[in-house]
Amino acid sequence: MSCEPSCGLSTIRLGGAEEAAVSRIASDGSTAVLLTAVGGPNSLDEVGPFLLDVRGGRPTSDALVDEFRERYRRIGGKSPLLDISRAQAKVLEDRLNADERAYRCHVGMRNWRPYIRDVVTQIVREGVERLVVLPLTPYYSRRSVGAYFSAVKDALRTLGRVPEVAYVESWNTEPALIEMFAEKVHASLERLAEREFPDPVVVFTAHSLPKKLIDGGDPYERELSETMALVLQRLPPLRARMAWQSAGRTEEAWLGPPLDEVLEEIGDGGEKAVLVTPFGFVSDHLEILFDIDIEAREFAAERGVHLERTDSPNTDPRFIDAMAAAVRSARA
C-alpha cells in the first residue's frame, strides 16, 4: 500500500479480540476521525448529477434519472444519508471525548458533496496530528471501502503536510455491533409475534457486488457471513437466509439470490410473514426507505406476505459504541 514518504499509516482489520489488546490512540495531540460513505443527492435537482458521478461520468439516460428522481421523491425528495452520517459523527465525537477533548469527527463522501478530497484538505489545514479513516460500513470490499481509502490517499498526495493516518478496513465482529443487530432482530420478532406472526422467515440482506470481485478474493461476502453467524448465535433458532439488494444493471453475474426472488419463494411456500434484516447497511437511505419499505413491502403484500424490517443502526448507542471501539483500537 503506497503513500507519500511523509505519511505514516497502517491498515488494520478490527474485531472484539483486537480491541481488547490494542491501546487507544495516544491523546497527546489532536485526532481527526473521517467517516466515509458513497453519498447521495440532497435535492431532486441533484439526482442527475449524482448518478453521473456514481457512473464515473458515463451518460445517464433520461429514463433512469426520472426513475431515481421518483424514488427519491417518494422518500422525501432527497437522500437522508448525509444528515444521518453527520448525526452519527456528532454522537461519536461526544462518545470519544467523554473523558477528554482529543477527537474531531468529520464526514466525507466518495460520490457527492461533501467530497472526501475536500474534507481531507480541511482536516489537514486544521493541523491535526492523526487521522483515522472509518468507513460507514463494517465490511471491507475493494469496490467500496477500497475506493474510499484511495480517495483519501489521492487527497493527501496533493498536500504538503500529512498527518499520521490509520485506515480501519473492517470492524464487522465488534461485540457492540453484533449485540445491536441481535437485539434489533429480537425486538422485531417480538413485534411480529404480537401481530400473530410468531415464526417468520428472517432474511438478512446486503448490497450485491459483481461475483467476479468475490471470486478474485474480495472478503466482502465472507465478512457478511461472519457477522450473520455471530448475530444468529445470540438468538434462538431461526429460519434465516441471505438475500442481496441493488445489483447493477449489467450483463455480468452479481451476488444472489436477489431479495425479490427470495420473497417470491417465501410467498410460494405459503409463508405469512418475513422479517428483513438489512444488516449490510448502517443508516436509512434509498436502499432502505424505498427498496425495502416501499418496493419490497408492496411486492411481498401482493403475494400475501407481511413484511417487517428491523430498525437501521443510525445513532443507536450500541452502534456508536462499536464505532468508538474501532476508532480507539486504530493506531497510526
Protein backbone atom coordinates (compact mmCIF):
# COMPACT_ATOMS: atom_id res chain seq x y z
CA MET A 1 0.00 0.00 0.00
CA SER A 2 1.67 3.21 -1.15
CA CYS A 3 1.75 6.66 0.36
CA GLU A 4 3.90 9.75 0.37
CA PRO A 5 7.19 9.46 2.32
CA SER A 6 5.93 11.83 5.00
CA CYS A 7 2.81 9.75 5.62
CA GLY A 8 2.90 7.17 8.41
CA LEU A 9 -0.08 4.85 8.06
CA SER A 10 -1.37 1.43 8.84
CA THR A 11 -4.29 -0.59 7.54
CA ILE A 12 -5.98 -2.75 10.13
CA ARG A 13 -8.84 -5.18 10.45
CA LEU A 14 -10.61 -4.80 13.77
CA GLY A 15 -12.79 -7.04 15.89
CA GLY A 16 -13.61 -7.57 19.54
CA ALA A 17 -10.46 -9.53 20.31
CA GLU A 18 -8.20 -6.93 18.75
CA GLU A 19 -9.95 -4.08 20.54
CA ALA A 20 -9.12 -5.55 23.95
CA ALA A 21 -5.48 -5.97 23.04
CA VAL A 22 -4.68 -2.67 21.34
CA SER A 23 -4.22 0.61 23.20
CA ARG A 24 -6.29 3.60 22.17
CA ILE A 25 -4.63 6.34 20.19
CA ALA A 26 -2.45 8.45 22.46
CA SER A 27 -4.22 11.68 23.27
CA ASP A 28 -1.19 13.94 23.46
CA GLY A 29 -2.35 15.63 20.24
CA SER A 30 -5.50 16.12 18.22
CA THR A 31 -7.02 13.22 16.28
CA ALA A 32 -9.46 13.59 13.41
CA VAL A 33 -11.88 10.83 12.51
CA LEU A 34 -13.17 10.73 8.94
CA LEU A 35 -16.38 8.78 8.39
CA THR A 36 -16.75 7.81 4.73
CA ALA A 37 -19.70 6.70 2.61
CA VAL A 38 -20.85 6.82 -1.00
CA GLY A 39 -23.06 9.90 -0.69
CA GLY A 40 -26.47 10.83 -2.06
CA PRO A 41 -28.36 13.73 -3.62
CA ASN A 42 -29.51 16.48 -1.28
CA SER A 43 -32.38 17.53 -3.55
CA LEU A 44 -34.26 16.24 -6.57
CA ASP A 45 -32.24 18.60 -8.79
CA GLU A 46 -29.07 16.82 -7.71
CA VAL A 47 -30.24 13.33 -8.71
CA GLY A 48 -28.97 13.56 -12.30
CA PRO A 49 -25.51 14.95 -11.42
CA PHE A 50 -25.19 12.43 -8.59
CA LEU A 51 -25.91 9.50 -10.91
CA LEU A 52 -23.38 10.89 -13.38
CA ASP A 53 -20.76 10.92 -10.61
CA VAL A 54 -21.64 7.40 -9.46
CA ARG A 55 -21.35 6.17 -13.06
CA GLY A 56 -17.90 7.71 -13.45
CA GLY A 57 -19.07 10.30 -15.95
CA ARG A 58 -20.84 7.82 -18.22
CA PRO A 59 -24.03 9.33 -19.65
CA THR A 60 -27.22 8.58 -17.73
CA SER A 61 -30.43 8.13 -19.71
CA ASP A 62 -33.31 10.49 -19.01
CA ALA A 63 -35.44 7.45 -18.16
CA LEU A 64 -33.01 6.34 -15.46
CA VAL A 65 -32.76 9.84 -14.00
CA ASP A 66 -36.56 10.14 -13.94
CA GLU A 67 -36.86 6.72 -12.28
CA PHE A 68 -34.50 7.66 -9.48
CA ARG A 69 -35.97 11.14 -9.09
CA GLU A 70 -39.32 9.46 -8.45
CA ARG A 71 -37.75 7.10 -5.93
CA TYR A 72 -36.17 9.98 -4.03
CA ARG A 73 -39.41 11.96 -4.25
CA ARG A 74 -41.24 9.12 -2.51
CA ILE A 75 -38.81 9.13 0.43
CA GLY A 76 -38.89 12.90 0.98
CA GLY A 77 -37.19 14.49 -2.03
CA LYS A 78 -33.57 13.84 -1.02
CA SER A 79 -31.23 11.28 0.45
CA PRO A 80 -31.14 11.41 4.26
CA LEU A 81 -27.67 9.82 4.22
CA LEU A 82 -25.66 12.99 4.81
CA ASP A 83 -27.83 14.20 7.67
CA ILE A 84 -27.71 10.79 9.37
CA SER A 85 -23.96 10.44 8.81
CA ARG A 86 -23.36 13.86 10.36
CA ALA A 87 -25.56 12.91 13.30
CA GLN A 88 -23.51 9.72 13.70
CA ALA A 89 -20.32 11.78 13.59
CA LYS A 90 -21.61 14.17 16.27
CA VAL A 91 -22.66 11.39 18.65
CA LEU A 92 -19.41 9.52 18.01
CA GLU A 93 -17.37 12.64 18.76
CA ASP A 94 -19.22 13.13 22.02
CA ARG A 95 -18.62 9.48 22.93
CA LEU A 96 -14.91 9.63 22.13
CA ASN A 97 -14.49 12.88 24.04
CA ALA A 98 -16.31 11.76 27.17
CA ASP A 99 -13.03 11.80 29.09
CA GLU A 100 -11.01 14.38 27.17
CA ARG A 101 -11.25 16.67 24.16
CA ALA A 102 -9.00 14.83 21.74
CA TYR A 103 -11.16 13.92 18.74
CA ARG A 104 -12.91 15.77 15.92
CA CYS A 105 -15.24 13.74 13.69
CA HIS A 106 -15.94 14.59 10.05
CA VAL A 107 -17.96 13.12 7.18
CA GLY A 108 -16.70 12.74 3.62
CA MET A 109 -18.47 11.17 0.63
CA ARG A 110 -16.99 9.45 -2.37
CA ASN A 111 -19.60 10.39 -4.99
CA TRP A 112 -21.18 13.61 -3.76
CA ARG A 113 -20.70 16.63 -1.56
CA PRO A 114 -19.01 16.91 0.82
CA TYR A 115 -16.38 15.02 -1.18
CA ILE A 116 -13.70 13.08 0.66
CA ARG A 117 -10.97 15.10 -1.07
CA ASP A 118 -12.37 18.39 0.20
CA VAL A 119 -12.89 17.17 3.76
CA VAL A 120 -9.38 15.69 3.93
CA THR A 121 -7.96 19.05 2.85
CA GLN A 122 -9.98 20.78 5.57
CA ILE A 123 -8.79 18.29 8.19
CA VAL A 124 -5.13 18.73 7.32
CA ARG A 125 -5.45 22.53 7.37
CA GLU A 126 -6.75 22.25 10.92
CA GLY A 127 -3.33 20.90 11.88
CA VAL A 128 -4.36 17.55 13.31
CA GLU A 129 -1.61 15.10 14.22
CA ARG A 130 -3.51 11.88 13.49
CA LEU A 131 -6.29 10.84 11.15
CA VAL A 132 -8.40 7.71 11.50
CA VAL A 133 -10.42 6.78 8.41
CA LEU A 134 -13.51 4.79 9.44
CA PRO A 135 -15.84 3.66 6.64
CA LEU A 136 -19.55 3.77 7.41
CA THR A 137 -19.74 0.09 6.62
CA PRO A 138 -18.23 -2.61 8.82
CA TYR A 139 -17.42 -4.82 5.81
CA TYR A 140 -14.39 -4.41 3.55
CA SER A 141 -14.63 -4.52 -0.21
CA ARG A 142 -12.26 -3.09 -2.79
CA ARG A 143 -15.32 -1.67 -4.57
CA SER A 144 -16.47 0.43 -1.60
CA VAL A 145 -14.00 0.75 1.28
CA GLY A 146 -11.01 0.40 -1.02
CA ALA A 147 -12.32 3.28 -3.12
CA TYR A 148 -12.79 5.45 -0.01
CA PHE A 149 -9.20 4.80 1.04
CA SER A 150 -7.94 5.61 -2.46
CA ALA A 151 -9.81 8.93 -2.38
CA VAL A 152 -8.16 9.79 0.96
CA LYS A 153 -4.69 8.89 -0.32
CA ASP A 154 -5.20 10.85 -3.54
CA ALA A 155 -6.12 13.91 -1.49
CA LEU A 156 -3.15 13.51 0.86
CA ARG A 157 -0.73 13.37 -2.08
CA THR A 158 -1.73 16.93 -3.02
CA LEU A 159 -0.92 18.34 0.42
CA GLY A 160 2.42 19.41 1.78
CA ARG A 161 1.90 18.40 5.39
CA VAL A 162 0.38 14.98 6.08
CA PRO A 163 -0.71 13.65 9.49
CA GLU A 164 -0.25 10.08 10.61
CA VAL A 165 -3.08 8.01 9.15
CA ALA A 166 -4.76 4.75 10.16
CA TYR A 167 -7.24 3.06 7.82
CA VAL A 168 -9.80 0.81 9.50
CA GLU A 169 -10.54 -1.90 6.94
CA SER A 170 -13.16 -3.94 8.79
CA TRP A 171 -14.99 -3.81 12.09
CA ASN A 172 -17.65 -6.42 11.38
CA THR A 173 -17.01 -8.51 14.51
CA GLU A 174 -17.11 -5.73 17.10
CA PRO A 175 -19.16 -7.13 20.02
CA ALA A 176 -21.34 -4.00 20.29
CA LEU A 177 -22.22 -4.27 16.59
CA ILE A 178 -23.23 -7.92 16.94
CA GLU A 179 -25.24 -7.18 20.09
CA MET A 180 -27.06 -4.34 18.34
CA PHE A 181 -28.09 -6.39 15.31
CA ALA A 182 -29.20 -9.30 17.50
CA GLU A 183 -31.31 -7.02 19.68
CA LYS A 184 -32.94 -5.41 16.64
CA VAL A 185 -33.88 -8.83 15.29
CA HIS A 186 -35.22 -9.85 18.71
CA ALA A 187 -37.31 -6.67 19.05
CA SER A 188 -38.79 -7.11 15.56
CA LEU A 189 -39.63 -10.75 16.25
CA GLU A 190 -41.50 -9.68 19.36
CA ARG A 191 -43.49 -7.12 17.36
CA LEU A 192 -44.39 -9.75 14.79
CA ALA A 193 -45.45 -12.19 17.49
CA GLU A 194 -47.79 -9.55 18.91
CA ARG A 195 -49.35 -9.34 15.45
CA GLU A 196 -49.83 -13.12 15.41
CA PHE A 197 -46.81 -13.86 13.22
CA PRO A 198 -44.79 -15.97 15.69
CA ASP A 199 -42.46 -17.74 13.25
CA PRO A 200 -41.46 -15.53 10.32
CA VAL A 201 -38.70 -16.28 7.86
CA VAL A 202 -35.76 -13.97 8.64
CA VAL A 203 -33.95 -12.64 5.57
CA PHE A 204 -30.62 -10.87 6.03
CA THR A 205 -29.78 -8.50 3.18
CA ALA A 206 -26.80 -6.51 1.94
CA HIS A 207 -25.74 -4.65 -1.18
CA SER A 208 -24.85 -7.03 -4.01
CA LEU A 209 -21.49 -6.89 -5.80
CA PRO A 210 -20.21 -8.44 -9.02
CA LYS A 211 -19.46 -12.10 -8.45
CA LYS A 212 -16.11 -11.82 -10.21
CA LEU A 213 -14.97 -9.45 -7.46
CA ILE A 214 -15.64 -12.10 -4.81
CA ASP A 215 -14.12 -14.83 -6.95
CA GLY A 216 -10.99 -12.66 -7.11
CA GLY A 217 -10.56 -12.78 -3.34
CA ASP A 218 -12.58 -9.79 -2.12
CA PRO A 219 -13.58 -10.54 1.53
CA TYR A 220 -16.95 -8.75 1.45
CA GLU A 221 -19.20 -11.81 1.28
CA ARG A 222 -17.13 -13.71 3.86
CA GLU A 223 -17.25 -10.83 6.34
CA LEU A 224 -21.02 -10.54 6.00
CA SER A 225 -21.28 -14.28 6.65
CA GLU A 226 -19.11 -13.88 9.76
CA THR A 227 -21.37 -11.15 11.13
CA MET A 228 -24.57 -13.01 10.31
CA ALA A 229 -23.29 -16.15 12.06
CA LEU A 230 -22.34 -14.19 15.18
CA VAL A 231 -25.74 -12.48 15.27
CA LEU A 232 -27.57 -15.79 14.94
CA GLN A 233 -25.52 -17.24 17.80
CA ARG A 234 -27.14 -14.66 20.09
CA LEU A 235 -30.68 -15.55 19.05
CA PRO A 236 -32.95 -18.59 19.41
CA PRO A 237 -33.05 -20.93 16.39
CA LEU A 238 -34.45 -19.07 13.39
CA ARG A 239 -35.35 -19.89 9.82
CA ALA A 240 -32.79 -17.47 8.42
CA ARG A 241 -31.36 -16.96 4.96
CA MET A 242 -29.37 -14.43 2.97
CA ALA A 243 -30.52 -12.26 0.06
CA TRP A 244 -28.95 -9.40 -1.90
CA GLN A 245 -30.09 -5.94 -2.98
CA SER A 246 -29.21 -3.33 -5.59
CA ALA A 247 -27.40 -5.44 -8.17
CA GLY A 248 -26.12 -3.34 -11.04
CA ARG A 249 -27.96 -3.31 -14.34
CA THR A 250 -25.18 -5.04 -16.25
CA GLU A 251 -24.76 -8.35 -18.04
CA GLU A 252 -22.19 -9.67 -15.54
CA ALA A 253 -23.16 -12.02 -12.70
CA TRP A 254 -23.84 -10.43 -9.32
CA LEU A 255 -24.15 -11.98 -5.87
CA GLY A 256 -27.54 -13.59 -5.39
CA PRO A 257 -30.24 -14.56 -4.85
CA PRO A 258 -31.86 -11.12 -5.11
CA LEU A 259 -34.40 -10.13 -2.47
CA ASP A 260 -37.38 -10.23 -4.83
CA GLU A 261 -36.64 -13.84 -5.78
CA VAL A 262 -36.42 -14.82 -2.12
CA LEU A 263 -39.71 -13.07 -1.35
CA GLU A 264 -41.28 -14.87 -4.31
CA GLU A 265 -40.14 -18.22 -2.91
CA ILE A 266 -41.41 -17.33 0.55
CA GLY A 267 -44.83 -16.44 -0.83
CA ASP A 268 -44.98 -19.57 -2.98
CA GLY A 269 -44.15 -21.61 0.13
CA GLY A 270 -47.26 -20.38 1.90
CA GLU A 271 -45.44 -18.25 4.49
CA LYS A 272 -47.38 -15.39 6.03
CA ALA A 273 -44.58 -13.16 7.35
CA VAL A 274 -40.96 -12.25 6.68
CA LEU A 275 -38.53 -10.18 8.72
CA VAL A 276 -36.00 -8.37 6.55
CA THR A 277 -32.77 -7.52 8.36
CA PRO A 278 -30.67 -5.22 6.14
CA PHE A 279 -27.50 -5.68 8.18
CA GLY A 280 -25.32 -4.65 5.26
CA PHE A 281 -26.43 -1.03 5.72
CA VAL A 282 -25.89 1.26 8.70
CA SER A 283 -28.40 4.06 8.10
CA ASP A 284 -31.72 4.85 6.49
CA HIS A 285 -31.29 5.82 2.84
CA LEU A 286 -32.75 4.96 -0.56
CA GLU A 287 -31.98 1.24 -0.39
CA ILE A 288 -33.82 1.00 2.90
CA LEU A 289 -36.60 3.57 2.68
CA PHE A 290 -37.60 2.80 -0.91
CA ASP A 291 -36.17 -0.58 -1.89
CA ILE A 292 -37.40 -2.34 1.27
CA ASP A 293 -40.03 -0.14 2.93
CA ILE A 294 -41.91 0.59 -0.31
CA GLU A 295 -40.91 -1.71 -3.16
CA ALA A 296 -40.22 -4.96 -1.28
CA ARG A 297 -43.15 -4.46 1.09
CA GLU A 298 -45.56 -3.98 -1.82
CA PHE A 299 -44.04 -6.98 -3.63
CA ALA A 300 -44.49 -9.17 -0.55
CA ALA A 301 -48.02 -7.95 0.12
CA GLU A 302 -49.07 -8.89 -3.43
CA ARG A 303 -48.04 -12.43 -2.52
CA GLY A 304 -49.89 -12.48 0.79
CA VAL A 305 -46.77 -11.98 2.90
CA HIS A 306 -46.49 -9.42 5.69
CA LEU A 307 -43.04 -7.79 5.58
CA GLU A 308 -41.45 -6.27 8.67
CA ARG A 309 -38.00 -4.63 8.76
CA THR A 310 -35.51 -4.26 11.59
CA ASP A 311 -34.63 -0.69 12.54
CA SER A 312 -31.49 0.77 10.98
CA PRO A 313 -28.45 1.41 13.22
CA ASN A 314 -28.44 5.20 12.61
CA THR A 315 -27.41 6.64 16.01
CA ASP A 316 -28.23 3.61 18.14
CA PRO A 317 -25.94 3.81 21.21
CA ARG A 318 -24.58 0.30 20.63
CA PHE A 319 -23.70 1.18 17.06
CA ILE A 320 -21.84 4.24 18.28
CA ASP A 321 -20.09 2.02 20.84
CA ALA A 322 -18.90 -0.23 18.00
CA MET A 323 -17.63 2.73 16.01
CA ALA A 324 -15.86 4.16 19.05
CA ALA A 325 -14.17 0.80 19.75
CA ALA A 326 -12.91 0.67 16.17
CA VAL A 327 -11.53 4.21 16.37
CA ARG A 328 -9.86 3.69 19.72
CA SER A 329 -8.27 0.47 18.52
CA ALA A 330 -6.70 2.13 15.48
CA ARG A 331 -3.07 3.11 15.71
CA ALA A 332 -1.18 5.02 13.06
